[in-house]
């Protein structure tokens, strides 16, 4: 009897998350949707994360646990999860976050109703480590669906309307593999996206969105992002997170024929020029901008805009 492939692979890359990993996995196991596998890749944690994962594996055969012999960095660890995934669809769940009840059932029902293969969702953010019920809406795209091309452009141009984390999406596995970019180049000593785990996530989403007609939007918060002192918080504080993401997006545009309108290109131009603080970095950015403009002129793609169906970008706190 052959082992039936799961509909969904939930990928949880981990490193030193002994305090948070319980909630991430429990939030999956308590879902009413059960046609899934959980793939955990531990990046050689120095705490008890791996032992916790092994205990979960012993209790549920759908949970597969792998550990790297050394810490490979975030992107290779994500890739290790992906290489073991067998599902038709992928959900990335970061090991310090969790999902709300019915997320998967609601997502697949919406996917079927909207005749699409990509679903995103409203999100919560949790800042209070002592009270997990103290959370607020952090992403709330107002429309129930959006043209895939326009969604991809919103992500690449950083309009702030759609989540830039794949944890807020259900994505087709073959498109995730196709658009997993682990070769984003180094731009400076500080602006080095790949070893810092920046850019590959948002480019994965954009690439998938470009390949579908529509993206469905689940109109309720279903993923909770925990705010605490992690690498993203550190990079965000010194400003390098946004810079690395913008450079990664410019690198993508410089290698793909994506048509940009004048306002869209000027937005990327302004963002790129503002980052120039040295001659070597300036040369790299100018080359990316020129290649982006050239590819845009060569493109025969449809001209859906990043500014179609503009939605609220504010973070809403509960009263």
C-alpha atoms as a PDB file:
ATOM      1  CA  UNK A   1       0.000   0.000   0.000  1.00  0.00           C
ATOM      2  CA  UNK A   2       1.536   3.315  -1.076  1.00  0.00           C
ATOM      3  CA  UNK A   3       1.772   6.248   1.303  1.00  0.00           C
ATOM      4  CA  UNK A   4      -0.724   8.894   0.189  1.00  0.00           C
ATOM      5  CA  UNK A   5       0.815  12.308  -0.351  1.00  0.00           C
ATOM      6  CA  UNK A   6      -0.499  15.080   1.907  1.00  0.00           C
ATOM      7  CA  UNK A   7      -2.326  18.073   0.479  1.00  0.00           C
ATOM      8  CA  UNK A   8      -0.293  20.523   2.603  1.00  0.00           C
ATOM      9  CA  UNK A   9       3.298  20.607   3.817  1.00  0.00           C
ATOM     10  CA  UNK A  10       3.813  22.879   6.820  1.00  0.00           C
ATOM     11  CA  UNK A  11       7.471  23.875   6.938  1.00  0.00           C
ATOM     12  CA  UNK A  12       8.930  24.974  10.271  1.00  0.00           C
ATOM     13  CA  UNK A  13      12.633  25.892  10.214  1.00  0.00           C
ATOM     14  CA  UNK A  14      13.928  26.269  13.770  1.00  0.00           C
ATOM     15  CA  UNK A  15      16.883  27.536  15.748  1.00  0.00           C
ATOM     16  CA  UNK A  16      16.899  27.980  19.544  1.00  0.00           C
ATOM     17  CA  UNK A  17      13.126  28.222  19.884  1.00  0.00           C
ATOM     18  CA  UNK A  18      12.530  26.073  22.958  1.00  0.00           C
ATOM     19  CA  UNK A  19      10.263  28.770  24.455  1.00  0.00           C
ATOM     20  CA  UNK A  20       8.070  29.181  21.384  1.00  0.00           C
ATOM     21  CA  UNK A  21       8.041  25.961  19.348  1.00  0.00           C
ATOM     22  CA  UNK A  22       5.308  24.339  21.455  1.00  0.00           C
ATOM     23  CA  UNK A  23       2.771  26.971  20.492  1.00  0.00           C
ATOM     24  CA  UNK A  24       3.683  26.865  16.804  1.00  0.00           C
ATOM     25  CA  UNK A  25       3.227  23.093  16.509  1.00  0.00           C
ATOM     26  CA  UNK A  26       0.210  22.888  18.819  1.00  0.00           C
ATOM     27  CA  UNK A  27      -1.574  25.537  16.749  1.00  0.00           C
ATOM     28  CA  UNK A  28      -1.208  23.241  13.721  1.00  0.00           C
ATOM     29  CA  UNK A  29      -2.180  20.016  15.463  1.00  0.00           C
ATOM     30  CA  UNK A  30      -5.362  21.633  16.807  1.00  0.00           C
ATOM     31  CA  UNK A  31      -6.604  22.628  13.325  1.00  0.00           C
ATOM     32  CA  UNK A  32      -9.744  20.930  12.028  1.00  0.00           C
ATOM     33  CA  UNK A  33      -7.917  20.418   8.701  1.00  0.00           C
ATOM     34  CA  UNK A  34      -5.768  17.297   9.072  1.00  0.00           C
ATOM     35  CA  UNK A  35      -4.433  16.434   5.598  1.00  0.00           C
ATOM     36  CA  UNK A  36      -0.924  17.728   6.256  1.00  0.00           C
ATOM     37  CA  UNK A  37       2.635  16.888   7.147  1.00  0.00           C
ATOM     38  CA  UNK A  38       4.906  19.007   9.350  1.00  0.00           C
ATOM     39  CA  UNK A  39       8.543  19.279   8.287  1.00  0.00           C
ATOM     40  CA  UNK A  40      10.891  20.667  10.934  1.00  0.00           C
ATOM     41  CA  UNK A  41      14.539  21.423  10.202  1.00  0.00           C
ATOM     42  CA  UNK A  42      16.560  22.353  13.256  1.00  0.00           C
ATOM     43  CA  UNK A  43      19.609  24.480  12.502  1.00  0.00           C
ATOM     44  CA  UNK A  44      21.826  22.869  15.156  1.00  0.00           C
ATOM     45  CA  UNK A  45      20.153  24.539  18.136  1.00  0.00           C
ATOM     46  CA  UNK A  46      22.134  24.910  21.337  1.00  0.00           C
ATOM     47  CA  UNK A  47      19.013  24.749  23.517  1.00  0.00           C
ATOM     48  CA  UNK A  48      16.379  22.015  23.895  1.00  0.00           C
ATOM     49  CA  UNK A  49      14.527  22.729  20.615  1.00  0.00           C
ATOM     50  CA  UNK A  50      15.611  19.544  18.858  1.00  0.00           C
ATOM     51  CA  UNK A  51      14.604  17.282  21.762  1.00  0.00           C
ATOM     52  CA  UNK A  52      11.208  18.956  21.918  1.00  0.00           C
ATOM     53  CA  UNK A  53      10.739  18.318  18.198  1.00  0.00           C
ATOM     54  CA  UNK A  54      11.764  14.669  18.545  1.00  0.00           C
ATOM     55  CA  UNK A  55       9.155  14.190  21.263  1.00  0.00           C
ATOM     56  CA  UNK A  56       6.480  15.575  18.954  1.00  0.00           C
ATOM     57  CA  UNK A  57       7.693  13.267  16.185  1.00  0.00           C
ATOM     58  CA  UNK A  58       7.286  10.214  18.421  1.00  0.00           C
ATOM     59  CA  UNK A  59       3.639  11.131  19.063  1.00  0.00           C
ATOM     60  CA  UNK A  60       2.556  11.956  15.503  1.00  0.00           C
ATOM     61  CA  UNK A  61       3.877  10.254  12.368  1.00  0.00           C
ATOM     62  CA  UNK A  62       2.959  13.288  10.251  1.00  0.00           C
ATOM     63  CA  UNK A  63       5.781  15.221  11.927  1.00  0.00           C
ATOM     64  CA  UNK A  64       9.225  14.789  10.345  1.00  0.00           C
ATOM     65  CA  UNK A  65      12.260  16.219  12.130  1.00  0.00           C
ATOM     66  CA  UNK A  66      15.718  16.854  10.691  1.00  0.00           C
ATOM     67  CA  UNK A  67      18.776  18.462  12.218  1.00  0.00           C
ATOM     68  CA  UNK A  68      21.780  20.022  10.505  1.00  0.00           C
ATOM     69  CA  UNK A  69      25.209  18.962  11.760  1.00  0.00           C
ATOM     70  CA  UNK A  70      26.233  22.623  11.833  1.00  0.00           C
ATOM     71  CA  UNK A  71      24.339  25.896  11.658  1.00  0.00           C
ATOM     72  CA  UNK A  72      23.913  26.502   7.921  1.00  0.00           C
ATOM     73  CA  UNK A  73      22.279  29.912   8.172  1.00  0.00           C
ATOM     74  CA  UNK A  74      18.569  30.604   7.590  1.00  0.00           C
ATOM     75  CA  UNK A  75      18.196  30.139   3.817  1.00  0.00           C
ATOM     76  CA  UNK A  76      19.836  26.664   3.599  1.00  0.00           C
ATOM     77  CA  UNK A  77      17.749  25.611   6.596  1.00  0.00           C
ATOM     78  CA  UNK A  78      14.562  26.741   4.850  1.00  0.00           C
ATOM     79  CA  UNK A  79      15.690  24.845   1.768  1.00  0.00           C
ATOM     80  CA  UNK A  80      16.214  21.714   3.842  1.00  0.00           C
ATOM     81  CA  UNK A  81      12.554  21.906   4.870  1.00  0.00           C
ATOM     82  CA  UNK A  82      11.459  22.394   1.275  1.00  0.00           C
ATOM     83  CA  UNK A  83      13.524  19.486  -0.033  1.00  0.00           C
ATOM     84  CA  UNK A  84      11.694  17.092   2.299  1.00  0.00           C
ATOM     85  CA  UNK A  85       8.206  18.452   1.549  1.00  0.00           C
ATOM     86  CA  UNK A  86       5.803  16.135  -0.318  1.00  0.00           C
ATOM     87  CA  UNK A  87       2.602  18.187  -0.244  1.00  0.00           C
ATOM     88  CA  UNK A  88       0.797  19.873  -3.109  1.00  0.00           C
ATOM     89  CA  UNK A  89       0.829  23.175  -1.217  1.00  0.00           C
ATOM     90  CA  UNK A  90       3.267  24.855   1.161  1.00  0.00           C
ATOM     91  CA  UNK A  91       2.740  26.866   4.310  1.00  0.00           C
ATOM     92  CA  UNK A  92       5.819  28.315   5.981  1.00  0.00           C
ATOM     93  CA  UNK A  93       5.288  28.664   9.730  1.00  0.00           C
ATOM     94  CA  UNK A  94       8.053  30.460  11.596  1.00  0.00           C
ATOM     95  CA  UNK A  95       8.895  28.711  14.838  1.00  0.00           C
ATOM     96  CA  UNK A  96       8.149  31.750  17.019  1.00  0.00           C
ATOM     97  CA  UNK A  97       4.684  32.386  15.518  1.00  0.00           C
ATOM     98  CA  UNK A  98       1.373  30.508  15.455  1.00  0.00           C
ATOM     99  CA  UNK A  99      -1.863  30.207  13.502  1.00  0.00           C
ATOM    100  CA  UNK A 100      -5.477  30.766  14.459  1.00  0.00           C
ATOM    101  CA  UNK A 101      -8.166  28.021  14.380  1.00  0.00           C
ATOM    102  CA  UNK A 102      -9.584  26.991  10.986  1.00  0.00           C
ATOM    103  CA  UNK A 103      -6.852  28.746   8.995  1.00  0.00           C
ATOM    104  CA  UNK A 104      -6.237  25.832   6.623  1.00  0.00           C
ATOM    105  CA  UNK A 105      -9.897  24.874   6.178  1.00  0.00           C
ATOM    106  CA  UNK A 106     -10.826  28.482   5.449  1.00  0.00           C
ATOM    107  CA  UNK A 107      -7.895  28.932   3.076  1.00  0.00           C
ATOM    108  CA  UNK A 108      -8.607  25.884   0.938  1.00  0.00           C
ATOM    109  CA  UNK A 109     -12.333  26.652   0.839  1.00  0.00           C
ATOM    110  CA  UNK A 110     -11.534  30.179  -0.355  1.00  0.00           C
ATOM    111  CA  UNK A 111      -9.004  28.832  -2.839  1.00  0.00           C
ATOM    112  CA  UNK A 112     -11.666  26.591  -4.365  1.00  0.00           C
ATOM    113  CA  UNK A 113     -14.297  29.340  -4.368  1.00  0.00           C
ATOM    114  CA  UNK A 114     -12.009  31.896  -6.024  1.00  0.00           C
ATOM    115  CA  UNK A 115     -10.497  29.337  -8.448  1.00  0.00           C
ATOM    116  CA  UNK A 116      -6.930  30.209  -7.525  1.00  0.00           C
ATOM    117  CA  UNK A 117      -3.866  28.486  -6.075  1.00  0.00           C
ATOM    118  CA  UNK A 118      -2.564  31.326  -3.879  1.00  0.00           C
ATOM    119  CA  UNK A 119      -4.244  32.556  -0.701  1.00  0.00           C
ATOM    120  CA  UNK A 120      -3.077  35.239   1.700  1.00  0.00           C
ATOM    121  CA  UNK A 121      -4.663  36.311   4.969  1.00  0.00           C
ATOM    122  CA  UNK A 122      -5.056  39.154   7.396  1.00  0.00           C
ATOM    123  CA  UNK A 123      -2.604  38.883  10.291  1.00  0.00           C
ATOM    124  CA  UNK A 124      -2.310  39.561  13.981  1.00  0.00           C
ATOM    125  CA  UNK A 125       0.762  40.834  15.799  1.00  0.00           C
ATOM    126  CA  UNK A 126       1.501  39.941  19.397  1.00  0.00           C
ATOM    127  CA  UNK A 127       3.807  42.227  21.394  1.00  0.00           C
ATOM    128  CA  UNK A 128       2.926  41.011  24.891  1.00  0.00           C
ATOM    129  CA  UNK A 129       4.858  37.878  25.865  1.00  0.00           C
ATOM    130  CA  UNK A 130       2.870  37.596  29.111  1.00  0.00           C
ATOM    131  CA  UNK A 131      -0.576  37.625  27.458  1.00  0.00           C
ATOM    132  CA  UNK A 132      -0.932  35.842  24.117  1.00  0.00           C
ATOM    133  CA  UNK A 133      -4.513  37.081  23.810  1.00  0.00           C
ATOM    134  CA  UNK A 134      -3.214  40.658  23.668  1.00  0.00           C
ATOM    135  CA  UNK A 135      -2.860  40.941  19.897  1.00  0.00           C
ATOM    136  CA  UNK A 136      -3.899  43.358  17.183  1.00  0.00           C
ATOM    137  CA  UNK A 137      -4.481  43.381  13.446  1.00  0.00           C
ATOM    138  CA  UNK A 138      -1.256  44.165  11.597  1.00  0.00           C
ATOM    139  CA  UNK A 139      -2.190  43.417   7.960  1.00  0.00           C
ATOM    140  CA  UNK A 140      -5.694  44.004   6.648  1.00  0.00           C
ATOM    141  CA  UNK A 141      -5.996  44.139   2.869  1.00  0.00           C
ATOM    142  CA  UNK A 142      -9.476  45.475   2.162  1.00  0.00           C
ATOM    143  CA  UNK A 143     -10.356  43.486  -0.971  1.00  0.00           C
ATOM    144  CA  UNK A 144     -11.282  39.773  -1.079  1.00  0.00           C
ATOM    145  CA  UNK A 145      -9.119  39.160  -4.137  1.00  0.00           C
ATOM    146  CA  UNK A 146      -6.436  40.863  -6.201  1.00  0.00           C
ATOM    147  CA  UNK A 147      -4.952  40.243  -9.634  1.00  0.00           C
ATOM    148  CA  UNK A 148      -1.790  38.151  -9.184  1.00  0.00           C
ATOM    149  CA  UNK A 149       0.353  40.482 -11.313  1.00  0.00           C
ATOM    150  CA  UNK A 150      -0.728  43.492  -9.270  1.00  0.00           C
ATOM    151  CA  UNK A 151      -0.149  41.619  -5.985  1.00  0.00           C
ATOM    152  CA  UNK A 152       3.399  40.706  -7.045  1.00  0.00           C
ATOM    153  CA  UNK A 153       4.133  44.319  -7.930  1.00  0.00           C
ATOM    154  CA  UNK A 154       2.794  45.570  -4.586  1.00  0.00           C
ATOM    155  CA  UNK A 155       5.245  43.245  -2.828  1.00  0.00           C
ATOM    156  CA  UNK A 156       8.220  44.161  -5.036  1.00  0.00           C
ATOM    157  CA  UNK A 157       7.551  47.895  -4.741  1.00  0.00           C
ATOM    158  CA  UNK A 158       6.957  47.667  -0.999  1.00  0.00           C
ATOM    159  CA  UNK A 159       3.587  49.401  -0.899  1.00  0.00           C
ATOM    160  CA  UNK A 160       2.912  47.828   2.503  1.00  0.00           C
ATOM    161  CA  UNK A 161      -0.543  46.553   1.580  1.00  0.00           C
ATOM    162  CA  UNK A 162       0.224  42.829   1.403  1.00  0.00           C
ATOM    163  CA  UNK A 163       2.350  40.738   3.785  1.00  0.00           C
ATOM    164  CA  UNK A 164       5.979  40.225   2.772  1.00  0.00           C
ATOM    165  CA  UNK A 165       6.261  36.993   4.778  1.00  0.00           C
ATOM    166  CA  UNK A 166       5.319  33.612   3.254  1.00  0.00           C
ATOM    167  CA  UNK A 167       3.894  32.632   6.645  1.00  0.00           C
ATOM    168  CA  UNK A 168       0.827  34.654   5.611  1.00  0.00           C
ATOM    169  CA  UNK A 169       0.305  32.635   2.411  1.00  0.00           C
ATOM    170  CA  UNK A 170      -0.657  29.194   1.181  1.00  0.00           C
ATOM    171  CA  UNK A 171       1.433  28.617  -1.976  1.00  0.00           C
ATOM    172  CA  UNK A 172       1.701  25.855  -4.606  1.00  0.00           C
ATOM    173  CA  UNK A 173       4.728  23.678  -3.893  1.00  0.00           C
ATOM    174  CA  UNK A 174       5.997  23.630  -7.488  1.00  0.00           C
ATOM    175  CA  UNK A 175       5.938  27.445  -7.649  1.00  0.00           C
ATOM    176  CA  UNK A 176       7.715  27.758  -4.293  1.00  0.00           C
ATOM    177  CA  UNK A 177      10.497  25.525  -5.616  1.00  0.00           C
ATOM    178  CA  UNK A 178      10.662  27.489  -8.859  1.00  0.00           C
ATOM    179  CA  UNK A 179      10.895  30.828  -7.054  1.00  0.00           C
ATOM    180  CA  UNK A 180      13.189  29.934  -4.178  1.00  0.00           C
ATOM    181  CA  UNK A 181      16.060  32.373  -4.711  1.00  0.00           C
ATOM    182  CA  UNK A 182      19.099  31.434  -2.648  1.00  0.00           C
ATOM    183  CA  UNK A 183      21.584  33.360  -4.810  1.00  0.00           C
ATOM    184  CA  UNK A 184      20.733  36.997  -4.048  1.00  0.00           C
ATOM    185  CA  UNK A 185      24.125  38.747  -4.224  1.00  0.00           C
ATOM    186  CA  UNK A 186      26.006  40.624  -1.545  1.00  0.00           C
ATOM    187  CA  UNK A 187      25.842  44.401  -1.980  1.00  0.00           C
ATOM    188  CA  UNK A 188      28.058  45.505   0.925  1.00  0.00           C
ATOM    189  CA  UNK A 189      29.332  44.161   4.239  1.00  0.00           C
ATOM    190  CA  UNK A 190      26.105  45.234   5.930  1.00  0.00           C
ATOM    191  CA  UNK A 191      23.721  44.717   3.022  1.00  0.00           C
ATOM    192  CA  UNK A 192      24.143  40.989   2.454  1.00  0.00           C
ATOM    193  CA  UNK A 193      20.626  39.512   2.140  1.00  0.00           C
ATOM    194  CA  UNK A 194      21.152  35.768   1.661  1.00  0.00           C
ATOM    195  CA  UNK A 195      23.103  34.863   4.837  1.00  0.00           C
ATOM    196  CA  UNK A 196      20.744  37.114   6.810  1.00  0.00           C
ATOM    197  CA  UNK A 197      17.602  35.465   5.464  1.00  0.00           C
ATOM    198  CA  UNK A 198      16.238  38.564   3.724  1.00  0.00           C
ATOM    199  CA  UNK A 199      14.710  38.795   0.259  1.00  0.00           C
ATOM    200  CA  UNK A 200      14.204  35.111  -0.485  1.00  0.00           C
ATOM    201  CA  UNK A 201      10.906  35.189   1.426  1.00  0.00           C
ATOM    202  CA  UNK A 202       9.301  38.147  -0.361  1.00  0.00           C
ATOM    203  CA  UNK A 203      10.650  37.105  -3.778  1.00  0.00           C
ATOM    204  CA  UNK A 204       9.127  33.670  -3.289  1.00  0.00           C
ATOM    205  CA  UNK A 205       5.730  35.283  -2.769  1.00  0.00           C
ATOM    206  CA  UNK A 206       6.096  37.695  -5.696  1.00  0.00           C
ATOM    207  CA  UNK A 207       7.199  34.927  -8.051  1.00  0.00           C
ATOM    208  CA  UNK A 208       4.205  32.774  -7.127  1.00  0.00           C
ATOM    209  CA  UNK A 209       1.791  35.711  -7.495  1.00  0.00           C
ATOM    210  CA  UNK A 210       3.087  36.514 -10.985  1.00  0.00           C
ATOM    211  CA  UNK A 211       2.086  33.006 -12.083  1.00  0.00           C
ATOM    212  CA  UNK A 212      -1.564  33.012 -10.991  1.00  0.00           C
ATOM    213  CA  UNK A 213      -4.475  35.036 -12.324  1.00  0.00           C
ATOM    214  CA  UNK A 214      -5.854  35.975  -8.916  1.00  0.00           C
ATOM    215  CA  UNK A 215      -4.753  35.921  -5.281  1.00  0.00           C
ATOM    216  CA  UNK A 216      -7.537  35.280  -2.766  1.00  0.00           C
ATOM    217  CA  UNK A 217      -7.480  37.213   0.516  1.00  0.00           C
ATOM    218  CA  UNK A 218      -8.872  35.580   3.646  1.00  0.00           C
ATOM    219  CA  UNK A 219     -10.772  38.381   5.345  1.00  0.00           C
ATOM    220  CA  UNK A 220      -9.934  37.549   8.943  1.00  0.00           C
ATOM    221  CA  UNK A 221      -6.664  37.441  10.910  1.00  0.00           C
ATOM    222  CA  UNK A 222      -5.332  33.890  10.775  1.00  0.00           C
ATOM    223  CA  UNK A 223      -1.566  34.085  11.413  1.00  0.00           C
ATOM    224  CA  UNK A 224      -0.034  35.627  14.540  1.00  0.00           C
ATOM    225  CA  UNK A 225       3.436  37.158  14.250  1.00  0.00           C
ATOM    226  CA  UNK A 226       5.229  37.396  17.566  1.00  0.00           C
ATOM    227  CA  UNK A 227       7.251  40.561  18.149  1.00  0.00           C
ATOM    228  CA  UNK A 228      10.396  39.916  20.154  1.00  0.00           C
ATOM    229  CA  UNK A 229      14.151  40.372  19.951  1.00  0.00           C
ATOM    230  CA  UNK A 230      14.987  38.308  16.877  1.00  0.00           C
ATOM    231  CA  UNK A 231      17.168  39.003  13.843  1.00  0.00           C
ATOM    232  CA  UNK A 232      14.375  40.712  11.927  1.00  0.00           C
ATOM    233  CA  UNK A 233      13.848  43.127  14.812  1.00  0.00           C
ATOM    234  CA  UNK A 234      17.572  43.928  14.914  1.00  0.00           C
ATOM    235  CA  UNK A 235      17.821  44.508  11.155  1.00  0.00           C
ATOM    236  CA  UNK A 236      14.631  46.556  11.200  1.00  0.00           C
ATOM    237  CA  UNK A 237      15.981  48.764  13.978  1.00  0.00           C
ATOM    238  CA  UNK A 238      19.169  49.698  12.119  1.00  0.00           C
ATOM    239  CA  UNK A 239      17.317  50.154   8.825  1.00  0.00           C
ATOM    240  CA  UNK A 240      19.151  47.398   6.976  1.00  0.00           C
ATOM    241  CA  UNK A 241      16.102  45.105   6.705  1.00  0.00           C
ATOM    242  CA  UNK A 242      14.237  47.448   4.375  1.00  0.00           C
ATOM    243  CA  UNK A 243      17.400  48.232   2.412  1.00  0.00           C
ATOM    244  CA  UNK A 244      18.269  44.569   1.855  1.00  0.00           C
ATOM    245  CA  UNK A 245      14.704  43.818   0.831  1.00  0.00           C
ATOM    246  CA  UNK A 246      14.648  46.695  -1.673  1.00  0.00           C
ATOM    247  CA  UNK A 247      17.999  45.650  -3.148  1.00  0.00           C
ATOM    248  CA  UNK A 248      16.792  42.048  -3.425  1.00  0.00           C
ATOM    249  CA  UNK A 249      13.707  43.243  -5.275  1.00  0.00           C
ATOM    250  CA  UNK A 250      15.812  45.399  -7.603  1.00  0.00           C
ATOM    251  CA  UNK A 251      18.041  42.400  -8.279  1.00  0.00           C
ATOM    252  CA  UNK A 252      14.934  40.348  -9.176  1.00  0.00           C
ATOM    253  CA  UNK A 253      13.574  43.070 -11.474  1.00  0.00           C
ATOM    254  CA  UNK A 254      16.967  43.428 -13.137  1.00  0.00           C
ATOM    255  CA  UNK A 255      16.809  39.725 -14.071  1.00  0.00           C
ATOM    256  CA  UNK A 256      13.156  39.481 -15.170  1.00  0.00           C
ATOM    257  CA  UNK A 257      11.180  41.252 -17.864  1.00  0.00           C
ATOM    258  CA  UNK A 258       8.569  42.939 -15.675  1.00  0.00           C
ATOM    259  CA  UNK A 259       6.843  45.998 -17.104  1.00  0.00           C
ATOM    260  CA  UNK A 260       6.906  48.976 -14.745  1.00  0.00           C
ATOM    261  CA  UNK A 261       4.921  52.162 -15.220  1.00  0.00           C
ATOM    262  CA  UNK A 262       6.694  55.500 -14.900  1.00  0.00           C
ATOM    263  CA  UNK A 263       5.493  56.048 -11.323  1.00  0.00           C
ATOM    264  CA  UNK A 264       6.450  52.501 -10.367  1.00  0.00           C
ATOM    265  CA  UNK A 265       9.965  52.885 -11.757  1.00  0.00           C
ATOM    266  CA  UNK A 266      10.392  56.281 -10.101  1.00  0.00           C
ATOM    267  CA  UNK A 267       9.477  54.688  -6.777  1.00  0.00           C
ATOM    268  CA  UNK A 268      12.250  52.096  -7.186  1.00  0.00           C
ATOM    269  CA  UNK A 269      14.640  54.763  -8.453  1.00  0.00           C
ATOM    270  CA  UNK A 270      14.016  56.966  -5.418  1.00  0.00           C
ATOM    271  CA  UNK A 271      14.475  54.058  -3.024  1.00  0.00           C
ATOM    272  CA  UNK A 272      17.698  52.947  -4.719  1.00  0.00           C
ATOM    273  CA  UNK A 273      19.278  56.399  -4.904  1.00  0.00           C
ATOM    274  CA  UNK A 274      18.541  57.089  -1.224  1.00  0.00           C
ATOM    275  CA  UNK A 275      20.629  54.045  -0.239  1.00  0.00           C
ATOM    276  CA  UNK A 276      23.810  55.144  -1.988  1.00  0.00           C
ATOM    277  CA  UNK A 277      26.419  55.927   0.657  1.00  0.00           C
ATOM    278  CA  UNK A 278      29.568  54.804  -1.145  1.00  0.00           C
ATOM    279  CA  UNK A 279      30.918  54.664  -4.681  1.00  0.00           C
ATOM    280  CA  UNK A 280      30.985  50.812  -4.959  1.00  0.00           C
ATOM    281  CA  UNK A 281      27.409  50.492  -3.682  1.00  0.00           C
ATOM    282  CA  UNK A 282      26.315  53.331  -5.943  1.00  0.00           C
ATOM    283  CA  UNK A 283      27.687  51.576  -9.023  1.00  0.00           C
ATOM    284  CA  UNK A 284      25.854  48.350  -8.113  1.00  0.00           C
ATOM    285  CA  UNK A 285      22.552  50.156  -7.542  1.00  0.00           C
ATOM    286  CA  UNK A 286      22.788  52.159 -10.759  1.00  0.00           C
ATOM    287  CA  UNK A 287      23.474  48.973 -12.720  1.00  0.00           C
ATOM    288  CA  UNK A 288      20.430  47.316 -11.148  1.00  0.00           C
ATOM    289  CA  UNK A 289      18.242  50.317 -11.939  1.00  0.00           C
ATOM    290  CA  UNK A 290      19.426  50.456 -15.556  1.00  0.00           C
ATOM    291  CA  UNK A 291      18.842  46.723 -16.030  1.00  0.00           C
ATOM    292  CA  UNK A 292      15.395  47.059 -14.430  1.00  0.00           C
ATOM    293  CA  UNK A 293      14.486  49.902 -16.797  1.00  0.00           C
ATOM    294  CA  UNK A 294      15.808  47.976 -19.824  1.00  0.00           C
ATOM    295  CA  UNK A 295      13.850  44.837 -18.883  1.00  0.00           C
ATOM    296  CA  UNK A 296      10.733  46.911 -18.365  1.00  0.00           C
ATOM    297  CA  UNK A 297      11.032  48.364 -21.860  1.00  0.00           C
ATOM    298  CA  UNK A 298      11.481  44.878 -23.329  1.00  0.00           C
ATOM    299  CA  UNK A 299       8.528  43.410 -21.475  1.00  0.00           C
ATOM    300  CA  UNK A 300       5.324  42.582 -23.315  1.00  0.00           C
ATOM    301  CA  UNK A 301       3.522  41.623 -20.114  1.00  0.00           C
ATOM    302  CA  UNK A 302       0.217  43.100 -19.043  1.00  0.00           C
ATOM    303  CA  UNK A 303       0.470  46.427 -17.280  1.00  0.00           C
ATOM    304  CA  UNK A 304      -1.460  45.816 -14.080  1.00  0.00           C
ATOM    305  CA  UNK A 305      -0.153  48.350 -11.588  1.00  0.00           C
ATOM    306  CA  UNK A 306       1.109  48.151  -8.024  1.00  0.00           C
ATOM    307  CA  UNK A 307      -1.295  51.002  -7.375  1.00  0.00           C
ATOM    308  CA  UNK A 308      -4.456  49.168  -8.432  1.00  0.00           C
ATOM    309  CA  UNK A 309      -6.951  48.500  -5.614  1.00  0.00           C
ATOM    310  CA  UNK A 310      -5.056  50.546  -3.033  1.00  0.00           C
ATOM    311  CA  UNK A 311      -5.821  49.411   0.510  1.00  0.00           C
ATOM    312  CA  UNK A 312      -5.047  50.528   4.048  1.00  0.00           C
ATOM    313  CA  UNK A 313      -1.409  50.016   5.114  1.00  0.00           C
ATOM    314  CA  UNK A 314      -1.702  51.118   8.733  1.00  0.00           C
ATOM    315  CA  UNK A 315      -1.124  48.771  11.658  1.00  0.00           C
ATOM    316  CA  UNK A 316      -4.371  48.748  13.652  1.00  0.00           C
ATOM    317  CA  UNK A 317      -4.176  48.327  17.421  1.00  0.00           C
ATOM    318  CA  UNK A 318      -7.120  46.968  19.329  1.00  0.00           C
ATOM    319  CA  UNK A 319      -8.943  49.482  21.486  1.00  0.00           C
END
